Protein backbone atom coordinates (compact mmCIF):
# COMPACT_ATOMS: atom_id res chain seq x y z
CA MET A 1 -31.47 23.14 -14.67
CA VAL A 2 -32.33 20.76 -12.07
CA LEU A 3 -36.04 20.53 -11.03
CA ASP A 4 -36.02 17.58 -8.11
CA ASN A 5 -34.00 14.74 -9.49
CA ASN A 6 -35.24 15.53 -12.94
CA ILE A 7 -32.91 17.13 -15.41
CA ILE A 8 -34.13 19.45 -17.90
CA GLN A 9 -31.31 19.86 -21.00
CA GLU A 10 -30.31 22.40 -23.21
CA CYS A 11 -31.94 20.92 -25.77
CA THR A 12 -35.03 20.76 -23.70
CA PRO A 13 -38.32 22.35 -25.89
CA THR A 14 -39.48 25.78 -24.14
CA GLU A 15 -42.62 23.97 -24.19
CA GLU A 16 -41.91 21.29 -22.10
CA LEU A 17 -40.54 23.66 -20.03
CA ILE A 18 -42.20 25.49 -19.18
CA SER A 19 -45.16 22.96 -18.54
CA HIS A 20 -42.39 21.66 -16.06
CA LEU A 21 -41.95 25.65 -14.44
CA GLU A 22 -45.28 25.54 -14.08
CA ASP A 23 -46.12 22.32 -12.39
CA LYS A 24 -43.73 23.30 -10.26
CA LEU A 25 -45.51 26.88 -9.45
CA ASN A 26 -48.80 24.83 -8.88
CA LYS A 27 -47.39 22.21 -6.37
CA PHE A 28 -45.86 24.91 -4.69
CA SER A 29 -48.62 27.28 -3.93
CA LEU A 30 -50.45 24.58 -2.90
CA ALA A 31 -47.88 25.07 0.58
CA PHE A 32 -47.83 28.06 0.55
CA PRO A 33 -51.07 30.05 -0.73
CA ASN A 34 -49.93 32.97 1.20
CA TRP A 35 -48.24 34.83 -1.78
CA GLN A 36 -51.01 34.96 -4.08
CA TYR A 37 -49.31 38.55 -6.47
CA VAL A 38 -46.96 35.95 -6.89
CA TYR A 39 -48.87 33.74 -8.48
CA LYS A 40 -50.45 36.12 -10.50
CA PHE A 41 -47.57 37.12 -11.91
CA ALA A 42 -46.27 33.64 -13.07
CA LYS A 43 -49.57 33.23 -14.45
CA ILE A 44 -48.97 36.22 -16.63
CA PHE A 45 -45.09 35.80 -17.10
CA PHE A 46 -45.95 31.81 -18.25
CA HIS A 47 -49.52 32.33 -19.85
CA TRP A 48 -50.03 29.71 -17.17
């Protein structure tokens, strides 16, 4: 999986992967604030 220019390896711990995803979702939500229902779901799904 590729996030920006950082490569997430198969051996990357789950906690670290979720942390990266949460960070990207947070930045995305700042750029696109109209999708609040999606972010609410993501917070529940990832325990963000």
